[in-house]
């Protein structure tokens, strides 16, 4: 089962080392890791994807929250979300096959960001399967792919906002509580609770 953890961490040296050490101790591989500045001053947003059982996922979330310099942690894999990934792919290109590559880039709705006499660089943003599809087609011609650079997954909840987000937007406590209740109801529709 894939888990997507979104953590807000203090923007200071050593935090990423603590997170990586935690996963090493738990013997769990990190599939994807993205860190960048957040909307909150002094905090970075860390998005981490790993594969573990539901029980292990709860343990990971609790362990992350206990780490020094971690402010907030959320596991949003089972919640409605939008996930994107960025890929830069450098491919061999000659005058003979350049037009074919231009057509391929257009089909996948990617774009060319660098062009030389011997190669071109494709930039693509989308879901993982779309990026994998482009790479698979490019690999059909041996030696065409020269270099691949991919970001980790970037994920954000859809629709309903948490009380913290509504508070930041200036909503009152009643609106925030109502939104949290709606978010729980929406989650229960996706993951029904077990009857007692």
N, C-alpha and C. Protein backbone atom coordinates (compact mmCIF):
# COMPACT_ATOMS: atom_id res chain seq x y z
N UNK A 1 0.84 -1.19 0.00
CA UNK A 1 0.00 0.00 0.00
C UNK A 1 0.88 1.25 0.00
N UNK A 2 0.59 2.18 -0.93
CA UNK A 2 1.38 3.41 -1.01
C UNK A 2 0.85 4.45 -0.02
N UNK A 3 1.76 5.09 0.67
CA UNK A 3 1.43 6.18 1.59
C UNK A 3 2.10 7.44 1.08
N UNK A 4 1.37 8.55 1.11
CA UNK A 4 1.93 9.85 0.73
C UNK A 4 1.85 10.76 1.95
N UNK A 5 2.99 11.03 2.53
CA UNK A 5 3.06 11.87 3.73
C UNK A 5 3.43 13.29 3.32
N UNK A 6 2.68 14.26 3.81
CA UNK A 6 3.01 15.67 3.64
C UNK A 6 3.35 16.20 5.02
N UNK A 7 4.57 16.67 5.17
CA UNK A 7 5.03 17.16 6.47
C UNK A 7 5.54 18.59 6.34
N UNK A 8 5.19 19.40 7.32
CA UNK A 8 5.76 20.75 7.41
C UNK A 8 6.90 20.67 8.42
N UNK A 9 8.08 21.05 7.97
CA UNK A 9 9.27 20.95 8.82
C UNK A 9 9.96 22.31 8.89
N UNK A 10 10.64 22.54 10.00
CA UNK A 10 11.37 23.80 10.15
C UNK A 10 12.48 23.86 9.11
N UNK A 11 12.67 25.05 8.56
CA UNK A 11 13.64 25.24 7.48
C UNK A 11 15.03 25.47 8.06
N UNK A 12 15.60 24.39 8.63
CA UNK A 12 16.93 24.46 9.24
C UNK A 12 17.73 23.22 8.83
N UNK A 13 19.07 23.29 8.90
CA UNK A 13 19.89 22.13 8.52
C UNK A 13 19.64 20.92 9.43
N UNK A 14 19.71 19.73 8.86
CA UNK A 14 19.63 18.49 9.64
C UNK A 14 18.28 17.81 9.68
N UNK A 15 17.23 18.51 9.26
CA UNK A 15 15.88 17.93 9.35
C UNK A 15 15.75 16.74 8.40
N UNK A 16 16.23 16.88 7.18
CA UNK A 16 16.11 15.81 6.19
C UNK A 16 16.90 14.57 6.64
N UNK A 17 18.02 14.78 7.30
CA UNK A 17 18.81 13.66 7.82
C UNK A 17 18.01 12.88 8.86
N UNK A 18 17.29 13.60 9.74
CA UNK A 18 16.47 12.93 10.76
C UNK A 18 15.36 12.10 10.11
N UNK A 19 14.73 12.66 9.08
CA UNK A 19 13.66 11.94 8.39
C UNK A 19 14.21 10.68 7.72
N UNK A 20 15.32 10.82 7.00
CA UNK A 20 15.92 9.67 6.32
C UNK A 20 16.36 8.60 7.33
N UNK A 21 16.90 9.03 8.47
CA UNK A 21 17.35 8.08 9.50
C UNK A 21 16.17 7.31 10.07
N UNK A 22 15.02 7.98 10.22
CA UNK A 22 13.82 7.30 10.72
C UNK A 22 13.42 6.16 9.78
N UNK A 23 13.41 6.41 8.49
CA UNK A 23 13.03 5.37 7.53
C UNK A 23 14.07 4.25 7.47
N UNK A 24 15.34 4.60 7.69
CA UNK A 24 16.38 3.57 7.73
C UNK A 24 16.15 2.66 8.94
N UNK A 25 15.84 3.26 10.09
CA UNK A 25 15.59 2.47 11.29
C UNK A 25 14.37 1.57 11.12
N UNK A 26 13.33 2.06 10.42
CA UNK A 26 12.12 1.27 10.21
C UNK A 26 12.26 0.28 9.05
N UNK A 27 13.40 0.34 8.35
CA UNK A 27 13.69 -0.54 7.20
C UNK A 27 12.62 -0.39 6.11
N UNK A 28 12.26 0.86 5.82
CA UNK A 28 11.27 1.17 4.78
C UNK A 28 11.93 2.06 3.74
N UNK A 29 11.78 1.67 2.47
CA UNK A 29 12.39 2.42 1.37
C UNK A 29 11.52 3.63 1.01
N UNK A 30 12.17 4.76 0.75
CA UNK A 30 11.48 5.96 0.30
C UNK A 30 11.41 5.91 -1.22
N UNK A 31 10.19 5.87 -1.78
CA UNK A 31 10.02 5.82 -3.24
C UNK A 31 10.21 7.18 -3.89
N UNK A 32 9.77 8.23 -3.20
CA UNK A 32 9.82 9.58 -3.77
C UNK A 32 9.92 10.59 -2.63
N UNK A 33 10.72 11.63 -2.84
CA UNK A 33 10.90 12.65 -1.80
C UNK A 33 11.06 14.01 -2.48
N UNK A 34 10.22 14.96 -2.10
CA UNK A 34 10.30 16.32 -2.63
C UNK A 34 10.23 17.29 -1.46
N UNK A 35 11.13 18.26 -1.46
CA UNK A 35 11.14 19.28 -0.39
C UNK A 35 11.27 20.65 -1.05
N UNK A 36 10.50 21.59 -0.54
CA UNK A 36 10.59 22.96 -1.04
C UNK A 36 9.95 23.92 -0.06
N UNK A 37 10.07 25.19 -0.34
CA UNK A 37 9.48 26.22 0.51
C UNK A 37 7.96 26.09 0.50
N UNK A 38 7.34 26.47 1.60
CA UNK A 38 5.88 26.38 1.72
C UNK A 38 5.29 27.78 1.83
N UNK A 39 3.95 27.82 2.00
CA UNK A 39 3.25 29.09 2.18
C UNK A 39 3.46 29.66 3.57
N UNK A 40 4.08 28.88 4.46
CA UNK A 40 4.30 29.31 5.84
C UNK A 40 5.76 29.70 6.03
N UNK A 41 5.98 30.94 6.48
CA UNK A 41 7.34 31.45 6.65
C UNK A 41 8.14 30.59 7.62
N UNK A 42 9.37 30.24 7.22
CA UNK A 42 10.25 29.45 8.08
C UNK A 42 10.00 27.96 8.05
N UNK A 43 9.02 27.51 7.25
CA UNK A 43 8.71 26.08 7.15
C UNK A 43 8.84 25.60 5.71
N UNK A 44 9.36 24.39 5.55
CA UNK A 44 9.41 23.74 4.25
C UNK A 44 8.35 22.66 4.20
N UNK A 45 7.86 22.37 2.99
CA UNK A 45 6.86 21.32 2.79
C UNK A 45 7.58 20.11 2.21
N UNK A 46 7.48 19.00 2.91
CA UNK A 46 8.14 17.76 2.51
C UNK A 46 7.06 16.76 2.09
N UNK A 47 7.17 16.25 0.86
CA UNK A 47 6.23 15.24 0.37
C UNK A 47 7.00 13.95 0.18
N UNK A 48 6.57 12.90 0.86
CA UNK A 48 7.32 11.65 0.88
C UNK A 48 6.38 10.49 0.57
N UNK A 49 6.77 9.65 -0.38
CA UNK A 49 5.97 8.49 -0.77
C UNK A 49 6.73 7.22 -0.43
N UNK A 50 6.05 6.28 0.22
CA UNK A 50 6.67 5.00 0.54
C UNK A 50 5.61 3.90 0.49
N UNK A 51 6.07 2.66 0.46
CA UNK A 51 5.17 1.52 0.42
C UNK A 51 5.24 0.80 1.76
N UNK A 52 4.08 0.64 2.40
CA UNK A 52 4.02 -0.02 3.70
C UNK A 52 2.57 -0.42 3.98
N UNK A 53 2.39 -1.29 4.95
CA UNK A 53 1.03 -1.69 5.32
C UNK A 53 0.31 -0.52 5.98
N UNK A 54 -1.02 -0.64 6.13
CA UNK A 54 -1.80 0.43 6.77
C UNK A 54 -1.33 0.65 8.20
N UNK A 55 -1.05 -0.44 8.91
CA UNK A 55 -0.58 -0.35 10.31
C UNK A 55 0.77 0.35 10.37
N UNK A 56 1.67 -0.04 9.45
CA UNK A 56 3.00 0.59 9.42
C UNK A 56 2.88 2.07 9.05
N UNK A 57 1.91 2.40 8.18
CA UNK A 57 1.70 3.80 7.80
C UNK A 57 1.34 4.66 8.99
N UNK A 58 0.47 4.14 9.87
CA UNK A 58 0.11 4.88 11.08
C UNK A 58 1.32 5.07 11.99
N UNK A 59 2.16 4.02 12.07
CA UNK A 59 3.36 4.10 12.90
C UNK A 59 4.35 5.12 12.32
N UNK A 60 4.48 5.14 10.99
CA UNK A 60 5.39 6.10 10.34
C UNK A 60 4.93 7.53 10.60
N UNK A 61 3.61 7.75 10.46
CA UNK A 61 3.08 9.10 10.67
C UNK A 61 3.34 9.56 12.10
N UNK A 62 3.08 8.69 13.06
CA UNK A 62 3.31 9.05 14.47
C UNK A 62 4.79 9.31 14.73
N UNK A 63 5.65 8.47 14.15
CA UNK A 63 7.10 8.63 14.35
C UNK A 63 7.60 9.93 13.71
N UNK A 64 7.08 10.27 12.53
CA UNK A 64 7.47 11.52 11.88
C UNK A 64 7.08 12.71 12.75
N UNK A 65 5.86 12.66 13.30
CA UNK A 65 5.37 13.77 14.10
C UNK A 65 6.21 13.97 15.36
N UNK A 66 6.78 12.87 15.89
CA UNK A 66 7.59 12.96 17.11
C UNK A 66 8.98 13.53 16.84
N UNK A 67 9.41 13.56 15.56
CA UNK A 67 10.75 14.05 15.25
C UNK A 67 10.89 15.53 15.60
N UNK A 68 12.07 15.88 16.05
CA UNK A 68 12.37 17.28 16.34
C UNK A 68 12.29 18.08 15.04
N UNK A 69 11.76 19.27 15.10
CA UNK A 69 11.63 20.20 13.97
C UNK A 69 10.53 19.85 12.97
N UNK A 70 9.73 18.80 13.26
CA UNK A 70 8.57 18.49 12.41
C UNK A 70 7.35 19.12 13.07
N UNK A 71 6.63 19.97 12.34
CA UNK A 71 5.52 20.74 12.89
C UNK A 71 4.18 20.05 12.65
N UNK A 72 4.01 19.45 11.47
CA UNK A 72 2.72 18.85 11.11
C UNK A 72 2.95 17.72 10.11
N UNK A 73 2.14 16.65 10.20
CA UNK A 73 2.25 15.51 9.28
C UNK A 73 0.85 15.06 8.89
N UNK A 74 0.68 14.74 7.61
CA UNK A 74 -0.61 14.25 7.11
C UNK A 74 -0.34 13.14 6.10
N UNK A 75 -1.11 12.06 6.16
CA UNK A 75 -1.03 10.97 5.17
C UNK A 75 -2.23 11.15 4.24
N UNK A 76 -1.99 11.61 3.01
CA UNK A 76 -3.12 11.97 2.14
C UNK A 76 -3.31 11.01 0.97
N UNK A 77 -2.68 9.85 1.02
CA UNK A 77 -2.79 8.91 -0.11
C UNK A 77 -4.23 8.47 -0.35
N UNK A 78 -5.02 8.29 0.72
CA UNK A 78 -6.40 7.81 0.58
C UNK A 78 -7.42 8.94 0.43
N UNK A 79 -6.95 10.19 0.54
CA UNK A 79 -7.85 11.34 0.39
C UNK A 79 -7.83 11.82 -1.06
N UNK A 80 -8.91 12.49 -1.51
CA UNK A 80 -8.87 13.05 -2.87
C UNK A 80 -7.71 14.03 -2.99
N UNK A 81 -6.88 13.86 -4.00
CA UNK A 81 -5.71 14.72 -4.13
C UNK A 81 -5.32 14.93 -5.58
N UNK A 82 -4.45 15.88 -5.80
CA UNK A 82 -3.85 16.12 -7.11
C UNK A 82 -2.36 15.86 -6.97
N UNK A 83 -1.83 14.99 -7.82
CA UNK A 83 -0.41 14.63 -7.76
C UNK A 83 0.24 14.88 -9.11
N UNK A 84 1.38 15.52 -9.09
CA UNK A 84 2.13 15.79 -10.32
C UNK A 84 3.60 15.49 -10.10
N UNK A 85 4.29 15.28 -11.22
CA UNK A 85 5.73 15.03 -11.20
C UNK A 85 6.33 15.76 -12.39
N UNK A 86 7.55 16.22 -12.26
CA UNK A 86 8.25 16.91 -13.34
C UNK A 86 9.38 16.02 -13.84
N UNK A 87 9.55 15.95 -15.17
CA UNK A 87 10.64 15.19 -15.76
C UNK A 87 11.34 16.01 -16.82
N UNK A 88 12.67 15.97 -16.82
CA UNK A 88 13.48 16.52 -17.90
C UNK A 88 14.15 15.33 -18.58
N UNK A 89 13.98 15.20 -19.88
CA UNK A 89 14.52 14.05 -20.61
C UNK A 89 15.35 14.57 -21.77
N UNK A 90 16.65 14.24 -21.77
CA UNK A 90 17.53 14.64 -22.87
C UNK A 90 17.65 13.47 -23.83
N UNK A 91 17.37 13.71 -25.11
CA UNK A 91 17.39 12.64 -26.10
C UNK A 91 18.29 13.03 -27.28
N UNK A 92 18.89 12.01 -27.89
CA UNK A 92 19.70 12.23 -29.09
C UNK A 92 18.78 12.66 -30.22
N UNK A 93 19.16 13.71 -30.94
CA UNK A 93 18.33 14.22 -32.03
C UNK A 93 19.21 14.67 -33.18
N UNK A 94 18.89 14.19 -34.36
CA UNK A 94 19.59 14.60 -35.57
C UNK A 94 18.57 15.23 -36.51
N UNK A 95 19.01 15.91 -37.54
CA UNK A 95 18.05 16.49 -38.49
C UNK A 95 17.08 15.45 -39.06
N UNK A 96 17.51 14.19 -39.14
CA UNK A 96 16.68 13.13 -39.72
C UNK A 96 15.49 12.77 -38.82
N UNK A 97 15.69 12.74 -37.49
CA UNK A 97 14.60 12.30 -36.59
C UNK A 97 13.99 13.43 -35.77
N UNK A 98 14.44 14.66 -35.97
CA UNK A 98 13.98 15.78 -35.15
C UNK A 98 12.47 16.03 -35.29
N UNK A 99 11.97 15.99 -36.51
CA UNK A 99 10.54 16.26 -36.72
C UNK A 99 9.68 15.17 -36.07
N UNK A 100 10.17 13.93 -36.08
CA UNK A 100 9.46 12.83 -35.41
C UNK A 100 9.38 13.08 -33.91
N UNK A 101 10.47 13.57 -33.33
CA UNK A 101 10.49 13.88 -31.90
C UNK A 101 9.56 15.05 -31.58
N UNK A 102 9.52 16.06 -32.45
CA UNK A 102 8.62 17.19 -32.24
C UNK A 102 7.17 16.71 -32.20
N UNK A 103 6.82 15.79 -33.11
CA UNK A 103 5.46 15.24 -33.14
C UNK A 103 5.15 14.47 -31.86
N UNK A 104 6.12 13.67 -31.40
CA UNK A 104 5.94 12.87 -30.19
C UNK A 104 5.72 13.77 -28.97
N UNK A 105 6.52 14.83 -28.89
CA UNK A 105 6.40 15.78 -27.78
C UNK A 105 5.01 16.42 -27.77
N UNK A 106 4.50 16.74 -28.94
CA UNK A 106 3.18 17.36 -29.05
C UNK A 106 2.08 16.39 -28.62
N UNK A 107 2.20 15.12 -29.00
CA UNK A 107 1.21 14.11 -28.62
C UNK A 107 1.11 13.99 -27.11
N UNK A 108 2.25 14.02 -26.42
CA UNK A 108 2.28 13.87 -24.96
C UNK A 108 2.09 15.20 -24.23
N UNK A 109 1.85 16.28 -24.97
CA UNK A 109 1.67 17.61 -24.40
C UNK A 109 2.83 18.02 -23.50
N UNK A 110 4.01 17.67 -23.94
CA UNK A 110 5.23 18.10 -23.27
C UNK A 110 5.76 19.31 -24.03
N UNK A 111 6.97 19.75 -23.72
CA UNK A 111 7.55 20.85 -24.49
C UNK A 111 9.06 20.72 -24.54
N UNK A 112 9.64 21.28 -25.57
CA UNK A 112 11.09 21.24 -25.75
C UNK A 112 11.66 22.52 -25.14
N UNK A 113 12.62 22.34 -24.22
CA UNK A 113 13.19 23.50 -23.51
C UNK A 113 14.64 23.77 -23.90
N UNK A 114 15.26 22.84 -24.67
CA UNK A 114 16.64 23.06 -25.12
C UNK A 114 16.85 22.26 -26.40
N UNK A 115 17.57 22.86 -27.34
CA UNK A 115 17.80 22.20 -28.63
C UNK A 115 19.22 22.50 -29.09
N UNK A 116 19.97 21.44 -29.38
CA UNK A 116 21.31 21.59 -29.94
C UNK A 116 21.36 20.77 -31.23
N UNK A 117 22.51 20.80 -31.88
CA UNK A 117 22.64 20.05 -33.14
C UNK A 117 22.60 18.54 -32.91
N UNK A 118 22.90 18.09 -31.67
CA UNK A 118 22.96 16.65 -31.40
C UNK A 118 21.89 16.13 -30.46
N UNK A 119 21.21 17.03 -29.74
CA UNK A 119 20.23 16.57 -28.75
C UNK A 119 19.15 17.61 -28.54
N UNK A 120 18.09 17.17 -27.87
CA UNK A 120 17.07 18.11 -27.41
C UNK A 120 16.60 17.67 -26.03
N UNK A 121 16.08 18.64 -25.26
CA UNK A 121 15.61 18.35 -23.91
C UNK A 121 14.11 18.56 -23.83
N UNK A 122 13.42 17.54 -23.33
CA UNK A 122 11.97 17.57 -23.20
C UNK A 122 11.61 17.81 -21.75
N UNK A 123 10.69 18.74 -21.52
CA UNK A 123 10.15 18.97 -20.17
C UNK A 123 8.71 18.48 -20.15
N UNK A 124 8.39 17.67 -19.14
CA UNK A 124 7.03 17.15 -19.04
C UNK A 124 6.56 17.18 -17.59
N UNK A 125 5.37 17.68 -17.39
CA UNK A 125 4.75 17.68 -16.07
C UNK A 125 3.46 16.89 -16.17
N UNK A 126 3.24 15.97 -15.23
CA UNK A 126 2.01 15.19 -15.24
C UNK A 126 2.05 14.08 -14.23
N UNK A 127 1.11 13.16 -14.35
CA UNK A 127 1.08 12.01 -13.45
C UNK A 127 2.19 11.04 -13.87
N UNK A 128 2.56 10.18 -12.94
CA UNK A 128 3.68 9.26 -13.18
C UNK A 128 3.46 8.39 -14.42
N UNK A 129 2.23 7.89 -14.62
CA UNK A 129 1.97 6.99 -15.75
C UNK A 129 2.17 7.69 -17.09
N UNK A 130 1.86 8.97 -17.16
CA UNK A 130 2.04 9.73 -18.40
C UNK A 130 3.53 9.90 -18.72
N UNK A 131 4.31 10.20 -17.70
CA UNK A 131 5.75 10.35 -17.89
C UNK A 131 6.37 9.01 -18.27
N UNK A 132 5.94 7.94 -17.59
CA UNK A 132 6.44 6.60 -17.92
C UNK A 132 6.10 6.23 -19.37
N UNK A 133 4.92 6.65 -19.83
CA UNK A 133 4.50 6.37 -21.20
C UNK A 133 5.43 7.00 -22.21
N UNK A 134 5.79 8.27 -21.99
CA UNK A 134 6.72 8.95 -22.90
C UNK A 134 8.08 8.28 -22.89
N UNK A 135 8.57 7.94 -21.71
CA UNK A 135 9.89 7.30 -21.61
C UNK A 135 9.89 5.95 -22.32
N UNK A 136 8.80 5.20 -22.16
CA UNK A 136 8.70 3.89 -22.81
C UNK A 136 8.76 4.02 -24.33
N UNK A 137 8.06 5.01 -24.88
CA UNK A 137 8.09 5.22 -26.33
C UNK A 137 9.49 5.64 -26.79
N UNK A 138 10.13 6.52 -26.02
CA UNK A 138 11.48 6.96 -26.38
C UNK A 138 12.49 5.82 -26.31
N UNK A 139 12.26 4.86 -25.40
CA UNK A 139 13.20 3.74 -25.23
C UNK A 139 13.09 2.71 -26.36
N UNK A 140 12.03 2.79 -27.17
CA UNK A 140 11.89 1.86 -28.29
C UNK A 140 13.04 2.00 -29.28
N UNK A 141 13.65 3.18 -29.31
CA UNK A 141 14.82 3.42 -30.16
C UNK A 141 16.05 3.41 -29.26
N UNK A 142 16.82 2.33 -29.28
CA UNK A 142 18.00 2.19 -28.40
C UNK A 142 18.96 3.37 -28.57
N UNK A 143 19.41 3.88 -27.44
CA UNK A 143 20.40 4.96 -27.47
C UNK A 143 19.81 6.34 -27.63
N UNK A 144 18.48 6.44 -27.77
CA UNK A 144 17.89 7.77 -27.96
C UNK A 144 17.92 8.58 -26.67
N UNK A 145 17.59 7.95 -25.52
CA UNK A 145 17.59 8.67 -24.25
C UNK A 145 19.03 8.79 -23.74
N UNK A 146 19.46 10.02 -23.52
CA UNK A 146 20.81 10.28 -23.02
C UNK A 146 20.83 10.50 -21.52
N UNK A 147 19.77 11.13 -21.00
CA UNK A 147 19.74 11.48 -19.57
C UNK A 147 18.30 11.73 -19.14
N UNK A 148 17.98 11.31 -17.91
CA UNK A 148 16.65 11.57 -17.34
C UNK A 148 16.82 12.17 -15.95
N UNK A 149 16.07 13.23 -15.67
CA UNK A 149 16.04 13.84 -14.34
C UNK A 149 14.57 14.00 -13.96
N UNK A 150 14.18 13.40 -12.84
CA UNK A 150 12.77 13.47 -12.41
C UNK A 150 12.67 14.00 -10.99
N UNK A 151 11.65 14.82 -10.77
CA UNK A 151 11.39 15.30 -9.42
C UNK A 151 10.62 14.21 -8.68
N UNK A 152 10.50 14.36 -7.40
CA UNK A 152 9.60 13.49 -6.66
C UNK A 152 8.17 13.95 -6.89
N UNK A 153 7.23 13.22 -6.34
CA UNK A 153 5.82 13.58 -6.50
C UNK A 153 5.49 14.80 -5.65
N UNK A 154 4.67 15.68 -6.22
CA UNK A 154 4.13 16.82 -5.48
C UNK A 154 2.63 16.60 -5.36
N UNK A 155 2.13 16.60 -4.14
CA UNK A 155 0.74 16.25 -3.89
C UNK A 155 0.06 17.28 -3.01
N UNK A 156 -1.22 17.54 -3.31
CA UNK A 156 -2.01 18.46 -2.51
C UNK A 156 -3.44 17.93 -2.44
N UNK A 157 -4.06 18.05 -1.27
CA UNK A 157 -5.46 17.64 -1.11
C UNK A 157 -6.36 18.44 -2.04
N UNK A 158 -7.42 17.80 -2.52
CA UNK A 158 -8.41 18.49 -3.35
C UNK A 158 -9.53 19.04 -2.47
N UNK A 159 -10.21 20.05 -2.97
CA UNK A 159 -11.47 20.50 -2.41
C UNK A 159 -11.44 20.97 -0.98
N UNK A 160 -11.95 20.14 -0.07
CA UNK A 160 -12.14 20.53 1.33
C UNK A 160 -10.83 20.95 1.98
N UNK A 161 -10.91 22.05 2.72
CA UNK A 161 -9.73 22.55 3.42
C UNK A 161 -9.79 22.14 4.88
N UNK A 162 -8.63 21.95 5.46
CA UNK A 162 -8.57 21.67 6.90
C UNK A 162 -8.81 22.97 7.66
N UNK A 163 -9.07 22.84 8.96
CA UNK A 163 -9.32 24.03 9.77
C UNK A 163 -8.11 24.96 9.76
N UNK A 164 -6.90 24.40 9.69
CA UNK A 164 -5.69 25.23 9.68
C UNK A 164 -5.64 26.10 8.42
N UNK A 165 -6.01 25.50 7.26
CA UNK A 165 -6.00 26.26 6.01
C UNK A 165 -7.06 27.35 6.04
N UNK A 166 -8.28 27.00 6.52
CA UNK A 166 -9.35 28.00 6.59
C UNK A 166 -8.99 29.12 7.55
N UNK A 167 -8.33 28.79 8.64
CA UNK A 167 -7.92 29.82 9.60
C UNK A 167 -6.93 30.78 8.94
N UNK A 168 -6.02 30.21 8.13
CA UNK A 168 -5.04 31.04 7.42
C UNK A 168 -5.73 31.94 6.39
N UNK A 169 -6.88 31.45 5.86
CA UNK A 169 -7.63 32.23 4.88
C UNK A 169 -8.56 33.24 5.55
N UNK A 170 -8.64 33.23 6.89
CA UNK A 170 -9.44 34.20 7.62
C UNK A 170 -10.84 33.74 7.96
N UNK A 171 -11.12 32.45 7.85
CA UNK A 171 -12.45 31.93 8.18
C UNK A 171 -12.60 31.84 9.69
N UNK A 172 -13.84 31.91 10.16
CA UNK A 172 -14.10 31.80 11.58
C UNK A 172 -14.04 30.37 12.06
N UNK A 173 -14.01 30.11 13.40
CA UNK A 173 -13.89 28.76 13.93
C UNK A 173 -15.06 27.86 13.56
N UNK A 174 -16.29 28.43 13.44
CA UNK A 174 -17.45 27.60 13.08
C UNK A 174 -17.31 27.06 11.66
N UNK A 175 -16.86 27.92 10.71
CA UNK A 175 -16.65 27.49 9.34
C UNK A 175 -15.57 26.43 9.26
N UNK A 176 -14.51 26.62 10.06
CA UNK A 176 -13.40 25.66 10.06
C UNK A 176 -13.86 24.31 10.57
N UNK A 177 -14.64 24.29 11.66
CA UNK A 177 -15.14 23.03 12.22
C UNK A 177 -16.07 22.33 11.23
N UNK A 178 -16.92 23.12 10.55
CA UNK A 178 -17.85 22.56 9.57
C UNK A 178 -17.09 21.93 8.40
N UNK A 179 -16.02 22.59 7.95
CA UNK A 179 -15.22 22.06 6.84
C UNK A 179 -14.53 20.77 7.23
N UNK A 180 -14.01 20.70 8.48
CA UNK A 180 -13.37 19.46 8.95
C UNK A 180 -14.37 18.32 8.97
N UNK A 181 -15.61 18.59 9.42
CA UNK A 181 -16.65 17.55 9.45
C UNK A 181 -16.98 17.07 8.04
N UNK A 182 -17.06 18.02 7.07
CA UNK A 182 -17.33 17.65 5.68
C UNK A 182 -16.19 16.81 5.10
N UNK A 183 -14.95 17.16 5.47
CA UNK A 183 -13.80 16.41 4.98
C UNK A 183 -13.83 14.97 5.50
N UNK A 184 -14.22 14.80 6.77
CA UNK A 184 -14.33 13.45 7.35
C UNK A 184 -15.42 12.66 6.64
N UNK A 185 -16.57 13.29 6.38
CA UNK A 185 -17.65 12.62 5.65
C UNK A 185 -17.21 12.19 4.27
N UNK A 186 -16.48 13.08 3.56
CA UNK A 186 -16.00 12.76 2.21
C UNK A 186 -15.02 11.59 2.24
N UNK A 187 -14.16 11.56 3.26
CA UNK A 187 -13.19 10.48 3.39
C UNK A 187 -13.89 9.16 3.68
N UNK A 188 -14.95 9.19 4.50
CA UNK A 188 -15.68 7.96 4.83
C UNK A 188 -16.41 7.40 3.61
N UNK A 189 -16.77 8.27 2.65
CA UNK A 189 -17.38 7.79 1.42
C UNK A 189 -16.37 6.98 0.60
N UNK A 190 -15.11 7.40 0.67
CA UNK A 190 -14.05 6.72 -0.08
C UNK A 190 -13.58 5.48 0.66
N UNK A 191 -13.36 5.63 1.97
CA UNK A 191 -12.91 4.53 2.81
C UNK A 191 -13.98 4.30 3.87
N UNK A 192 -14.98 3.47 3.59
CA UNK A 192 -16.06 3.27 4.58
C UNK A 192 -15.54 2.64 5.86
N UNK A 193 -16.13 3.06 6.99
CA UNK A 193 -15.72 2.50 8.26
C UNK A 193 -16.33 1.12 8.43
N UNK A 194 -15.65 0.27 9.20
CA UNK A 194 -16.13 -1.09 9.43
C UNK A 194 -17.34 -1.08 10.35
N UNK A 195 -18.41 -1.84 10.04
CA UNK A 195 -19.55 -1.90 10.96
C UNK A 195 -19.15 -2.59 12.26
N UNK A 196 -19.72 -2.12 13.37
CA UNK A 196 -19.35 -2.71 14.67
C UNK A 196 -20.13 -3.99 14.92
